[in-house]
Amino acid sequence: GNLILVTSSVTGEGKTTTSLNLALSIAHERDHTVLLVDCDVVKKGVSRMLGVSSRPGLIDVLEDDYFTVGDALLRTDIPELSVLSAGKRHDYVTELLASQRMSNLVEEMSSRYDDRVIIFDAPPLLPTPQTQVLAGLVGQIVFVIEAGQTPQSAVEDALDMIRGSGKPIGLVLTKSVGTFGRSGYYYGYYGSDDDKKK
């Protein structure tokens, strides 16, 4: 349950921003530390956003037996938040993510500290098989949908790809506009008309 995968149907839906915000939110809670892992090796969204895209990271750890997570881990100015960048580009990313070394790495990272939550910023589901591989390694999935933009058929196709994983899937709606035209998260009021008049 401390392994969380964040993904979406296609690019540009706000999944990396959601990953980062989720990591920051949990890092500010009491009794939790967070490791944010950039698994989107092509786009390197988290790595670029934090200015660490040129640093060694996940792919370097998977490819080199002598290069450890400790060698690549980046500590931030928030004491409870660490980041593992995507690392260098590689022609066989899917194979590396599906390797036994990746399984061992995830097991090691998740069990080393009792209070650690690990968030994987994964690629979108429809363009690549990498996220399906990663879904088998985590305990829960956060699925990001851009309001008013992502076609329902794309959402359904992407969800079909991970429903069989048996993992809980939470949905996050991004870039929504409320009744007052404000962008961001919108919390509607649910209840009967009588409740609203009170």
N, C-alpha and C. Protein backbone atom coordinates (compact mmCIF):
# COMPACT_ATOMS: atom_id res chain seq x y z
N GLY A 1 0.79 -1.23 0.00
CA GLY A 1 0.00 0.00 0.00
C GLY A 1 0.82 1.27 0.00
N ASN A 2 2.12 1.17 0.34
CA ASN A 2 2.95 2.38 0.35
C ASN A 2 3.59 2.64 -1.01
N LEU A 3 3.21 1.86 -2.03
CA LEU A 3 3.71 2.06 -3.39
C LEU A 3 2.57 2.58 -4.25
N ILE A 4 2.69 3.83 -4.73
CA ILE A 4 1.61 4.49 -5.46
C ILE A 4 2.08 4.85 -6.86
N LEU A 5 1.34 4.41 -7.85
CA LEU A 5 1.63 4.71 -9.25
C LEU A 5 0.69 5.80 -9.73
N VAL A 6 1.25 6.84 -10.34
CA VAL A 6 0.43 7.93 -10.90
C VAL A 6 0.57 7.89 -12.41
N THR A 7 -0.57 7.82 -13.11
CA THR A 7 -0.55 7.74 -14.57
C THR A 7 -1.78 8.44 -15.14
N SER A 8 -1.90 8.39 -16.47
CA SER A 8 -3.03 9.00 -17.17
C SER A 8 -3.23 8.24 -18.48
N SER A 9 -4.20 8.66 -19.26
CA SER A 9 -4.42 8.03 -20.56
C SER A 9 -3.37 8.47 -21.57
N VAL A 10 -3.22 9.79 -21.70
CA VAL A 10 -2.32 10.38 -22.68
C VAL A 10 -1.49 11.47 -22.01
N THR A 11 -0.59 12.08 -22.78
CA THR A 11 0.26 13.13 -22.22
C THR A 11 -0.53 14.42 -22.02
N GLY A 12 -0.01 15.27 -21.16
CA GLY A 12 -0.57 16.61 -20.98
C GLY A 12 -1.77 16.72 -20.07
N GLU A 13 -2.08 15.67 -19.31
CA GLU A 13 -3.27 15.70 -18.46
C GLU A 13 -2.98 16.20 -17.04
N GLY A 14 -1.71 16.39 -16.72
CA GLY A 14 -1.36 16.90 -15.40
C GLY A 14 -0.89 15.83 -14.43
N LYS A 15 -0.47 14.67 -14.93
CA LYS A 15 -0.08 13.58 -14.03
C LYS A 15 1.20 13.90 -13.27
N THR A 16 2.17 14.57 -13.91
CA THR A 16 3.42 14.89 -13.22
C THR A 16 3.19 15.92 -12.13
N THR A 17 2.38 16.92 -12.42
CA THR A 17 2.03 17.92 -11.40
C THR A 17 1.30 17.25 -10.25
N THR A 18 0.41 16.32 -10.56
CA THR A 18 -0.30 15.57 -9.52
C THR A 18 0.67 14.75 -8.69
N SER A 19 1.62 14.09 -9.34
CA SER A 19 2.63 13.29 -8.61
C SER A 19 3.40 14.15 -7.65
N LEU A 20 3.86 15.31 -8.13
CA LEU A 20 4.66 16.20 -7.29
C LEU A 20 3.84 16.77 -6.14
N ASN A 21 2.62 17.18 -6.43
CA ASN A 21 1.75 17.72 -5.36
C ASN A 21 1.42 16.66 -4.32
N LEU A 22 1.17 15.44 -4.77
CA LEU A 22 0.89 14.35 -3.84
C LEU A 22 2.11 14.08 -2.96
N ALA A 23 3.29 14.06 -3.57
CA ALA A 23 4.52 13.84 -2.81
C ALA A 23 4.74 14.94 -1.77
N LEU A 24 4.54 16.18 -2.17
CA LEU A 24 4.72 17.30 -1.24
C LEU A 24 3.70 17.25 -0.11
N SER A 25 2.46 16.91 -0.45
CA SER A 25 1.40 16.85 0.56
C SER A 25 1.71 15.79 1.62
N ILE A 26 2.10 14.59 1.17
CA ILE A 26 2.41 13.51 2.12
C ILE A 26 3.66 13.83 2.92
N ALA A 27 4.65 14.48 2.28
CA ALA A 27 5.90 14.82 2.97
C ALA A 27 5.67 15.81 4.10
N HIS A 28 4.62 16.59 4.00
CA HIS A 28 4.32 17.56 5.07
C HIS A 28 3.46 16.97 6.19
N GLU A 29 3.04 15.71 6.02
CA GLU A 29 2.32 15.05 7.10
C GLU A 29 3.30 14.56 8.15
N ARG A 30 2.82 14.38 9.33
CA ARG A 30 3.66 13.85 10.41
C ARG A 30 3.87 12.35 10.21
N ASP A 31 5.06 11.88 10.52
CA ASP A 31 5.38 10.44 10.52
C ASP A 31 5.42 9.81 9.14
N HIS A 32 5.69 10.60 8.08
CA HIS A 32 5.84 10.03 6.75
C HIS A 32 7.04 10.63 6.04
N THR A 33 7.77 9.79 5.32
CA THR A 33 8.76 10.27 4.37
C THR A 33 8.32 9.82 2.98
N VAL A 34 8.77 10.53 1.96
CA VAL A 34 8.32 10.26 0.59
C VAL A 34 9.53 10.15 -0.33
N LEU A 35 9.47 9.14 -1.21
CA LEU A 35 10.42 9.02 -2.30
C LEU A 35 9.63 9.14 -3.59
N LEU A 36 9.95 10.16 -4.38
CA LEU A 36 9.29 10.40 -5.67
C LEU A 36 10.21 9.88 -6.77
N VAL A 37 9.73 8.90 -7.53
CA VAL A 37 10.55 8.24 -8.56
C VAL A 37 10.02 8.62 -9.95
N ASP A 38 10.89 9.18 -10.77
CA ASP A 38 10.52 9.54 -12.14
C ASP A 38 10.71 8.33 -13.03
N CYS A 39 9.59 7.67 -13.37
CA CYS A 39 9.62 6.48 -14.25
C CYS A 39 9.30 6.81 -15.70
N ASP A 40 9.00 8.07 -15.98
CA ASP A 40 8.69 8.48 -17.35
C ASP A 40 10.01 8.88 -18.03
N VAL A 41 10.74 7.88 -18.48
CA VAL A 41 12.11 8.08 -18.96
C VAL A 41 12.15 8.91 -20.24
N VAL A 42 11.11 8.87 -21.05
CA VAL A 42 11.10 9.64 -22.29
C VAL A 42 10.87 11.12 -22.02
N LYS A 43 9.82 11.45 -21.26
CA LYS A 43 9.47 12.85 -21.00
C LYS A 43 10.25 13.45 -19.82
N LYS A 44 10.60 12.61 -18.85
CA LYS A 44 11.33 13.06 -17.65
C LYS A 44 10.66 14.26 -17.00
N GLY A 45 9.33 14.17 -16.84
CA GLY A 45 8.57 15.31 -16.32
C GLY A 45 9.01 15.78 -14.95
N VAL A 46 9.09 14.87 -13.98
CA VAL A 46 9.51 15.24 -12.62
C VAL A 46 10.94 15.76 -12.64
N SER A 47 11.81 15.07 -13.36
CA SER A 47 13.22 15.46 -13.41
C SER A 47 13.38 16.86 -14.00
N ARG A 48 12.66 17.14 -15.08
CA ARG A 48 12.73 18.47 -15.70
C ARG A 48 12.13 19.53 -14.78
N MET A 49 11.00 19.21 -14.17
CA MET A 49 10.33 20.18 -13.29
C MET A 49 11.22 20.58 -12.11
N LEU A 50 12.01 19.63 -11.63
CA LEU A 50 12.89 19.89 -10.48
C LEU A 50 14.32 20.25 -10.90
N GLY A 51 14.57 20.30 -12.20
CA GLY A 51 15.89 20.70 -12.68
C GLY A 51 16.98 19.67 -12.48
N VAL A 52 16.61 18.37 -12.50
CA VAL A 52 17.60 17.31 -12.26
C VAL A 52 17.62 16.30 -13.40
N SER A 53 17.20 16.70 -14.60
CA SER A 53 17.08 15.75 -15.71
C SER A 53 18.42 15.22 -16.19
N SER A 54 19.52 15.89 -15.87
CA SER A 54 20.83 15.41 -16.31
C SER A 54 21.51 14.51 -15.28
N ARG A 55 20.88 14.35 -14.13
CA ARG A 55 21.48 13.52 -13.08
C ARG A 55 21.26 12.03 -13.34
N PRO A 56 22.19 11.19 -12.87
CA PRO A 56 21.94 9.73 -12.92
C PRO A 56 20.70 9.40 -12.10
N GLY A 57 19.97 8.36 -12.53
CA GLY A 57 18.74 8.03 -11.82
C GLY A 57 18.35 6.57 -11.98
N LEU A 58 17.05 6.35 -12.12
CA LEU A 58 16.48 5.01 -12.10
C LEU A 58 17.12 4.09 -13.15
N ILE A 59 17.23 4.54 -14.38
CA ILE A 59 17.77 3.69 -15.44
C ILE A 59 19.22 3.34 -15.17
N ASP A 60 19.98 4.27 -14.63
CA ASP A 60 21.39 3.99 -14.29
C ASP A 60 21.48 2.91 -13.22
N VAL A 61 20.57 2.96 -12.24
CA VAL A 61 20.55 1.95 -11.17
C VAL A 61 20.19 0.59 -11.73
N LEU A 62 19.23 0.55 -12.65
CA LEU A 62 18.79 -0.73 -13.22
C LEU A 62 19.84 -1.34 -14.14
N GLU A 63 20.61 -0.50 -14.78
CA GLU A 63 21.56 -0.99 -15.78
C GLU A 63 22.90 -1.40 -15.19
N ASP A 64 23.30 -0.76 -14.09
CA ASP A 64 24.63 -0.97 -13.52
C ASP A 64 24.51 -1.63 -12.14
N ASP A 65 25.00 -2.84 -12.01
CA ASP A 65 24.92 -3.57 -10.73
C ASP A 65 25.66 -2.86 -9.60
N TYR A 66 26.62 -2.03 -9.93
CA TYR A 66 27.44 -1.39 -8.92
C TYR A 66 26.97 0.03 -8.59
N PHE A 67 25.90 0.46 -9.27
CA PHE A 67 25.35 1.78 -9.03
C PHE A 67 24.07 1.61 -8.23
N THR A 68 24.01 2.15 -7.03
CA THR A 68 22.89 1.90 -6.12
C THR A 68 21.92 3.08 -6.07
N VAL A 69 20.77 2.84 -5.46
CA VAL A 69 19.80 3.91 -5.25
C VAL A 69 20.43 5.02 -4.43
N GLY A 70 21.21 4.65 -3.43
CA GLY A 70 21.88 5.65 -2.60
C GLY A 70 22.78 6.57 -3.41
N ASP A 71 23.39 6.03 -4.47
CA ASP A 71 24.25 6.84 -5.33
C ASP A 71 23.45 7.87 -6.12
N ALA A 72 22.20 7.54 -6.45
CA ALA A 72 21.39 8.40 -7.32
C ALA A 72 20.37 9.25 -6.57
N LEU A 73 20.10 8.91 -5.32
CA LEU A 73 19.05 9.59 -4.56
C LEU A 73 19.38 11.07 -4.34
N LEU A 74 18.40 11.90 -4.56
CA LEU A 74 18.57 13.34 -4.37
C LEU A 74 17.72 13.79 -3.19
N ARG A 75 18.36 14.32 -2.19
CA ARG A 75 17.64 14.85 -1.04
C ARG A 75 17.24 16.29 -1.35
N THR A 76 16.02 16.65 -1.00
CA THR A 76 15.53 18.00 -1.27
C THR A 76 15.63 18.86 -0.01
N ASP A 77 15.26 20.14 -0.14
CA ASP A 77 15.28 21.01 1.04
C ASP A 77 14.08 20.76 1.95
N ILE A 78 13.20 19.85 1.54
CA ILE A 78 12.15 19.34 2.42
C ILE A 78 12.68 18.04 2.99
N PRO A 79 13.00 17.98 4.28
CA PRO A 79 13.70 16.82 4.85
C PRO A 79 13.02 15.48 4.59
N GLU A 80 11.70 15.46 4.50
CA GLU A 80 10.97 14.20 4.34
C GLU A 80 10.78 13.79 2.89
N LEU A 81 11.33 14.56 1.94
CA LEU A 81 11.12 14.27 0.51
C LEU A 81 12.45 14.03 -0.20
N SER A 82 12.55 12.87 -0.84
CA SER A 82 13.70 12.55 -1.69
C SER A 82 13.20 12.25 -3.09
N VAL A 83 14.09 12.40 -4.08
CA VAL A 83 13.72 12.20 -5.48
C VAL A 83 14.74 11.28 -6.15
N LEU A 84 14.22 10.38 -6.98
CA LEU A 84 15.06 9.55 -7.84
C LEU A 84 14.71 9.94 -9.27
N SER A 85 15.65 10.60 -9.96
CA SER A 85 15.39 11.07 -11.32
C SER A 85 15.25 9.89 -12.28
N ALA A 86 14.85 10.18 -13.50
CA ALA A 86 14.67 9.13 -14.51
C ALA A 86 16.00 8.54 -14.95
N GLY A 87 17.03 9.37 -14.99
CA GLY A 87 18.33 8.89 -15.45
C GLY A 87 18.45 8.99 -16.95
N LYS A 88 19.43 8.30 -17.50
CA LYS A 88 19.72 8.43 -18.93
C LYS A 88 18.68 7.71 -19.79
N ARG A 89 18.64 8.10 -21.05
CA ARG A 89 17.74 7.44 -22.00
C ARG A 89 18.26 6.03 -22.29
N HIS A 90 17.34 5.14 -22.66
CA HIS A 90 17.73 3.76 -22.91
C HIS A 90 16.78 3.17 -23.95
N ASP A 91 17.33 2.35 -24.85
CA ASP A 91 16.50 1.77 -25.91
C ASP A 91 15.57 0.68 -25.42
N TYR A 92 15.87 0.10 -24.26
CA TYR A 92 15.08 -1.03 -23.76
C TYR A 92 14.51 -0.75 -22.37
N VAL A 93 13.82 0.38 -22.26
CA VAL A 93 13.27 0.81 -20.97
C VAL A 93 12.25 -0.20 -20.45
N THR A 94 11.35 -0.66 -21.32
CA THR A 94 10.31 -1.60 -20.88
C THR A 94 10.92 -2.86 -20.31
N GLU A 95 11.95 -3.37 -20.97
CA GLU A 95 12.62 -4.59 -20.50
C GLU A 95 13.29 -4.36 -19.14
N LEU A 96 13.89 -3.18 -18.96
CA LEU A 96 14.52 -2.87 -17.67
C LEU A 96 13.48 -2.79 -16.56
N LEU A 97 12.35 -2.16 -16.86
CA LEU A 97 11.30 -2.03 -15.85
C LEU A 97 10.65 -3.37 -15.51
N ALA A 98 10.69 -4.30 -16.47
CA ALA A 98 10.10 -5.63 -16.26
C ALA A 98 11.11 -6.62 -15.69
N SER A 99 12.32 -6.17 -15.45
CA SER A 99 13.38 -7.08 -15.01
C SER A 99 13.26 -7.46 -13.54
N GLN A 100 13.93 -8.53 -13.17
CA GLN A 100 13.97 -8.95 -11.78
C GLN A 100 14.67 -7.91 -10.92
N ARG A 101 15.65 -7.23 -11.52
CA ARG A 101 16.35 -6.18 -10.78
C ARG A 101 15.39 -5.06 -10.37
N MET A 102 14.46 -4.71 -11.24
CA MET A 102 13.47 -3.68 -10.90
C MET A 102 12.58 -4.17 -9.77
N SER A 103 12.14 -5.42 -9.83
CA SER A 103 11.32 -5.98 -8.75
C SER A 103 12.07 -5.95 -7.43
N ASN A 104 13.33 -6.33 -7.47
CA ASN A 104 14.15 -6.33 -6.26
C ASN A 104 14.35 -4.91 -5.73
N LEU A 105 14.53 -3.97 -6.66
CA LEU A 105 14.74 -2.58 -6.27
C LEU A 105 13.51 -2.01 -5.59
N VAL A 106 12.33 -2.28 -6.15
CA VAL A 106 11.08 -1.79 -5.56
C VAL A 106 10.87 -2.41 -4.18
N GLU A 107 11.15 -3.70 -4.07
CA GLU A 107 11.03 -4.38 -2.77
C GLU A 107 11.96 -3.77 -1.74
N GLU A 108 13.18 -3.50 -2.16
CA GLU A 108 14.17 -2.91 -1.24
C GLU A 108 13.74 -1.51 -0.81
N MET A 109 13.30 -0.69 -1.76
CA MET A 109 12.91 0.68 -1.44
C MET A 109 11.68 0.72 -0.53
N SER A 110 10.75 -0.20 -0.75
CA SER A 110 9.50 -0.16 0.01
C SER A 110 9.63 -0.71 1.42
N SER A 111 10.61 -1.58 1.63
CA SER A 111 10.73 -2.23 2.94
C SER A 111 11.83 -1.65 3.82
N ARG A 112 12.66 -0.80 3.26
CA ARG A 112 13.79 -0.28 4.05
C ARG A 112 13.33 0.60 5.20
N TYR A 113 12.31 1.44 4.96
CA TYR A 113 11.80 2.34 5.99
C TYR A 113 10.31 2.11 6.17
N ASP A 114 9.89 1.96 7.42
CA ASP A 114 8.48 1.70 7.70
C ASP A 114 7.57 2.88 7.35
N ASP A 115 8.13 4.09 7.43
CA ASP A 115 7.30 5.28 7.25
C ASP A 115 7.35 5.83 5.82
N ARG A 116 8.01 5.12 4.91
CA ARG A 116 8.22 5.67 3.57
C ARG A 116 7.06 5.34 2.63
N VAL A 117 6.63 6.38 1.90
CA VAL A 117 5.67 6.23 0.81
C VAL A 117 6.44 6.49 -0.48
N ILE A 118 6.27 5.62 -1.46
CA ILE A 118 6.98 5.77 -2.73
C ILE A 118 5.96 6.06 -3.83
N ILE A 119 6.18 7.17 -4.52
CA ILE A 119 5.29 7.59 -5.60
C ILE A 119 6.04 7.48 -6.92
N PHE A 120 5.47 6.71 -7.84
CA PHE A 120 6.07 6.52 -9.15
C PHE A 120 5.32 7.37 -10.17
N ASP A 121 5.99 8.35 -10.77
CA ASP A 121 5.40 9.11 -11.85
C ASP A 121 5.64 8.32 -13.13
N ALA A 122 4.62 7.66 -13.62
CA ALA A 122 4.74 6.73 -14.74
C ALA A 122 4.33 7.39 -16.05
N PRO A 123 4.71 6.80 -17.19
CA PRO A 123 4.24 7.33 -18.47
C PRO A 123 2.73 7.14 -18.61
N PRO A 124 2.12 7.84 -19.56
CA PRO A 124 0.70 7.60 -19.85
C PRO A 124 0.50 6.17 -20.35
N LEU A 125 -0.68 5.63 -20.14
CA LEU A 125 -0.94 4.22 -20.47
C LEU A 125 -1.03 3.92 -21.96
N LEU A 126 -1.70 4.76 -22.72
CA LEU A 126 -1.99 4.41 -24.12
C LEU A 126 -0.76 4.40 -25.04
N PRO A 127 0.20 5.30 -24.88
CA PRO A 127 1.32 5.29 -25.83
C PRO A 127 2.39 4.23 -25.59
N THR A 128 2.45 3.63 -24.42
CA THR A 128 3.57 2.74 -24.09
C THR A 128 3.13 1.63 -23.14
N PRO A 129 3.76 0.45 -23.21
CA PRO A 129 3.41 -0.64 -22.30
C PRO A 129 4.12 -0.55 -20.93
N GLN A 130 4.96 0.45 -20.76
CA GLN A 130 5.77 0.52 -19.53
C GLN A 130 4.93 0.62 -18.27
N THR A 131 3.84 1.37 -18.33
CA THR A 131 3.02 1.57 -17.14
C THR A 131 2.29 0.30 -16.73
N GLN A 132 1.90 -0.53 -17.68
CA GLN A 132 1.29 -1.81 -17.35
C GLN A 132 2.27 -2.69 -16.57
N VAL A 133 3.53 -2.63 -16.96
CA VAL A 133 4.56 -3.37 -16.23
C VAL A 133 4.68 -2.85 -14.81
N LEU A 134 4.73 -1.53 -14.67
CA LEU A 134 4.88 -0.92 -13.35
C LEU A 134 3.67 -1.18 -12.46
N ALA A 135 2.49 -1.27 -13.06
CA ALA A 135 1.26 -1.49 -12.29
C ALA A 135 1.31 -2.79 -11.50
N GLY A 136 2.06 -3.76 -12.01
CA GLY A 136 2.19 -5.03 -11.30
C GLY A 136 3.07 -4.96 -10.07
N LEU A 137 3.79 -3.84 -9.90
CA LEU A 137 4.75 -3.71 -8.79
C LEU A 137 4.23 -2.88 -7.63
N VAL A 138 3.11 -2.19 -7.83
CA VAL A 138 2.65 -1.24 -6.82
C VAL A 138 1.42 -1.74 -6.07
N GLY A 139 1.01 -0.98 -5.05
CA GLY A 139 -0.15 -1.37 -4.26
C GLY A 139 -1.41 -0.63 -4.64
N GLN A 140 -1.25 0.56 -5.24
CA GLN A 140 -2.42 1.33 -5.63
C GLN A 140 -2.06 2.27 -6.79
N ILE A 141 -3.10 2.70 -7.51
CA ILE A 141 -2.90 3.50 -8.71
C ILE A 141 -3.74 4.76 -8.62
N VAL A 142 -3.13 5.89 -8.99
CA VAL A 142 -3.84 7.16 -9.11
C VAL A 142 -3.91 7.47 -10.60
N PHE A 143 -5.14 7.59 -11.12
CA PHE A 143 -5.36 7.80 -12.55
C PHE A 143 -5.84 9.23 -12.77
N VAL A 144 -5.08 10.00 -13.55
CA VAL A 144 -5.36 11.42 -13.75
C VAL A 144 -6.11 11.63 -15.06
N ILE A 145 -7.18 12.44 -15.00
CA ILE A 145 -7.99 12.75 -16.17
C ILE A 145 -8.12 14.27 -16.29
N GLU A 146 -7.85 14.78 -17.48
CA GLU A 146 -8.01 16.22 -17.70
C GLU A 146 -9.46 16.54 -18.03
N ALA A 147 -10.06 17.40 -17.24
CA ALA A 147 -11.48 17.72 -17.40
C ALA A 147 -11.76 18.37 -18.75
N GLY A 148 -12.78 17.86 -19.43
CA GLY A 148 -13.24 18.48 -20.66
C GLY A 148 -12.35 18.27 -21.87
N GLN A 149 -11.28 17.51 -21.74
CA GLN A 149 -10.33 17.34 -22.84
C GLN A 149 -10.12 15.88 -23.24
N THR A 150 -9.89 15.03 -22.25
CA THR A 150 -9.60 13.63 -22.55
C THR A 150 -10.88 12.93 -23.01
N PRO A 151 -10.87 12.34 -24.20
CA PRO A 151 -12.08 11.63 -24.66
C PRO A 151 -12.43 10.47 -23.73
N GLN A 152 -13.71 10.28 -23.51
CA GLN A 152 -14.15 9.20 -22.63
C GLN A 152 -13.65 7.85 -23.13
N SER A 153 -13.60 7.68 -24.43
CA SER A 153 -13.14 6.40 -24.99
C SER A 153 -11.67 6.14 -24.61
N ALA A 154 -10.85 7.20 -24.59
CA ALA A 154 -9.45 7.06 -24.20
C ALA A 154 -9.33 6.67 -22.74
N VAL A 155 -10.14 7.30 -21.90
CA VAL A 155 -10.15 6.98 -20.47
C VAL A 155 -10.54 5.52 -20.26
N GLU A 156 -11.60 5.09 -20.94
CA GLU A 156 -12.06 3.71 -20.78
C GLU A 156 -11.03 2.71 -21.28
N ASP A 157 -10.40 3.01 -22.42
CA ASP A 157 -9.37 2.11 -22.96
C ASP A 157 -8.19 1.99 -22.00
N ALA A 158 -7.77 3.13 -21.45
CA ALA A 158 -6.63 3.13 -20.53
C ALA A 158 -6.96 2.39 -19.24
N LEU A 159 -8.15 2.64 -18.70
CA LEU A 159 -8.55 1.96 -17.47
C LEU A 159 -8.67 0.45 -17.67
N ASP A 160 -9.12 0.05 -18.86
CA ASP A 160 -9.21 -1.39 -19.16
C ASP A 160 -7.84 -2.06 -19.08
N MET A 161 -6.79 -1.30 -19.37
CA MET A 161 -5.44 -1.86 -19.37
C MET A 161 -4.94 -2.16 -17.96
N ILE A 162 -5.51 -1.50 -16.94
CA ILE A 162 -5.03 -1.71 -15.57
C ILE A 162 -6.07 -2.30 -14.63
N ARG A 163 -7.31 -2.41 -15.09
CA ARG A 163 -8.36 -2.98 -14.22
C ARG A 163 -8.02 -4.39 -13.79
N GLY A 164 -7.39 -5.14 -14.67
CA GLY A 164 -7.06 -6.52 -14.37
C GLY A 164 -5.95 -6.68 -13.35
N SER A 165 -5.31 -5.57 -12.97
CA SER A 165 -4.21 -5.65 -12.00
C SER A 165 -4.71 -5.97 -10.60
N GLY A 166 -6.00 -5.75 -10.36
CA GLY A 166 -6.56 -6.01 -9.04
C GLY A 166 -6.19 -4.96 -8.00
N LYS A 167 -5.57 -3.87 -8.43
CA LYS A 167 -5.15 -2.81 -7.51
C LYS A 167 -6.23 -1.74 -7.39
N PRO A 168 -6.38 -1.13 -6.22
CA PRO A 168 -7.32 -0.01 -6.09
C PRO A 168 -6.89 1.12 -7.02
N ILE A 169 -7.86 1.72 -7.71
CA ILE A 169 -7.57 2.82 -8.63
C ILE A 169 -8.36 4.04 -8.19
N GLY A 170 -7.65 5.11 -7.88
CA GLY A 170 -8.29 6.38 -7.54
C GLY A 170 -8.23 7.31 -8.73
N LEU A 171 -9.27 8.10 -8.94
CA LEU A 171 -9.33 9.02 -10.06
C LEU A 171 -9.15 10.46 -9.58
N VAL A 172 -8.34 11.23 -10.32
CA VAL A 172 -8.13 12.65 -10.04
C VAL A 172 -8.51 13.44 -11.28
N LEU A 173 -9.42 14.38 -11.14
CA LEU A 173 -9.84 15.23 -12.25
C LEU A 173 -9.06 16.54 -12.16
N THR A 174 -8.29 16.85 -13.22
CA THR A 174 -7.47 18.07 -13.21
C THR A 174 -8.03 19.11 -14.16
N LYS A 175 -7.61 20.35 -13.92
CA LYS A 175 -7.93 21.48 -14.81
C LYS A 175 -9.43 21.67 -14.97
N SER A 176 -10.18 21.36 -13.91
CA SER A 176 -11.62 21.54 -13.97
C SER A 176 -11.98 22.99 -13.67
N VAL A 177 -13.14 23.41 -14.14
CA VAL A 177 -13.61 24.77 -13.91
C VAL A 177 -14.93 24.68 -13.18
N GLY A 178 -15.02 25.34 -12.03
CA GLY A 178 -16.23 25.30 -11.21
C GLY A 178 -17.30 26.23 -11.74
N THR A 179 -18.34 26.35 -10.99
CA THR A 179 -19.48 27.17 -11.44
C THR A 179 -19.14 28.65 -11.51
N PHE A 180 -18.07 29.09 -10.83
CA PHE A 180 -17.70 30.50 -10.84
C PHE A 180 -16.57 30.78 -11.83
N GLY A 181 -16.25 29.77 -12.66
CA GLY A 181 -15.24 29.99 -13.68
C GLY A 181 -13.82 29.93 -13.17
N ARG A 182 -13.62 29.45 -11.96
CA ARG A 182 -12.28 29.36 -11.40
C ARG A 182 -11.65 28.04 -11.79
N SER A 183 -10.42 28.10 -12.26
CA SER A 183 -9.72 26.86 -12.61
C SER A 183 -9.22 26.19 -11.34
N GLY A 184 -9.02 24.88 -11.43
CA GLY A 184 -8.48 24.13 -10.30
C GLY A 184 -9.46 23.08 -9.83
N TYR A 185 -9.33 22.71 -8.58
CA TYR A 185 -10.20 21.69 -8.03
C TYR A 185 -11.54 22.30 -7.66
N TYR A 186 -12.60 21.56 -7.93
CA TYR A 186 -13.93 22.07 -7.64
C TYR A 186 -14.69 21.04 -6.81
N TYR A 187 -15.19 21.50 -5.70
CA TYR A 187 -15.98 20.63 -4.84
C TYR A 187 -17.44 21.04 -4.96
N GLY A 188 -18.24 20.20 -5.61
CA GLY A 188 -19.65 20.49 -5.75
C GLY A 188 -20.40 20.21 -4.47
N TYR A 189 -21.58 20.78 -4.35
CA TYR A 189 -22.41 20.54 -3.18
C TYR A 189 -23.39 19.44 -3.53
N TYR A 190 -23.40 18.40 -2.72
CA TYR A 190 -24.29 17.27 -2.97
C TYR A 190 -25.34 17.22 -1.88
N GLY A 191 -26.58 17.14 -2.27
CA GLY A 191 -27.66 17.04 -1.30
C GLY A 191 -28.98 17.38 -1.98
N SER A 192 -30.04 17.27 -1.23
CA SER A 192 -31.36 17.58 -1.81
C SER A 192 -31.55 19.09 -1.88
N ASP A 193 -32.56 19.50 -2.65
CA ASP A 193 -32.87 20.94 -2.75
C ASP A 193 -33.23 21.51 -1.39
N ASP A 194 -33.88 20.70 -0.55
CA ASP A 194 -34.24 21.15 0.79
C ASP A 194 -33.00 21.44 1.61
N ASP A 195 -31.97 20.58 1.48
CA ASP A 195 -30.74 20.80 2.21
C ASP A 195 -30.08 22.10 1.76
N LYS A 196 -30.15 22.39 0.47
CA LYS A 196 -29.49 23.58 -0.05
C LYS A 196 -30.17 24.86 0.44
N LYS A 197 -31.49 24.79 0.73
CA LYS A 197 -32.22 25.97 1.17
C LYS A 197 -31.97 26.28 2.64
N LYS A 198 -31.48 25.30 3.39
CA LYS A 198 -31.30 25.49 4.82
C LYS A 198 -30.11 26.40 5.11
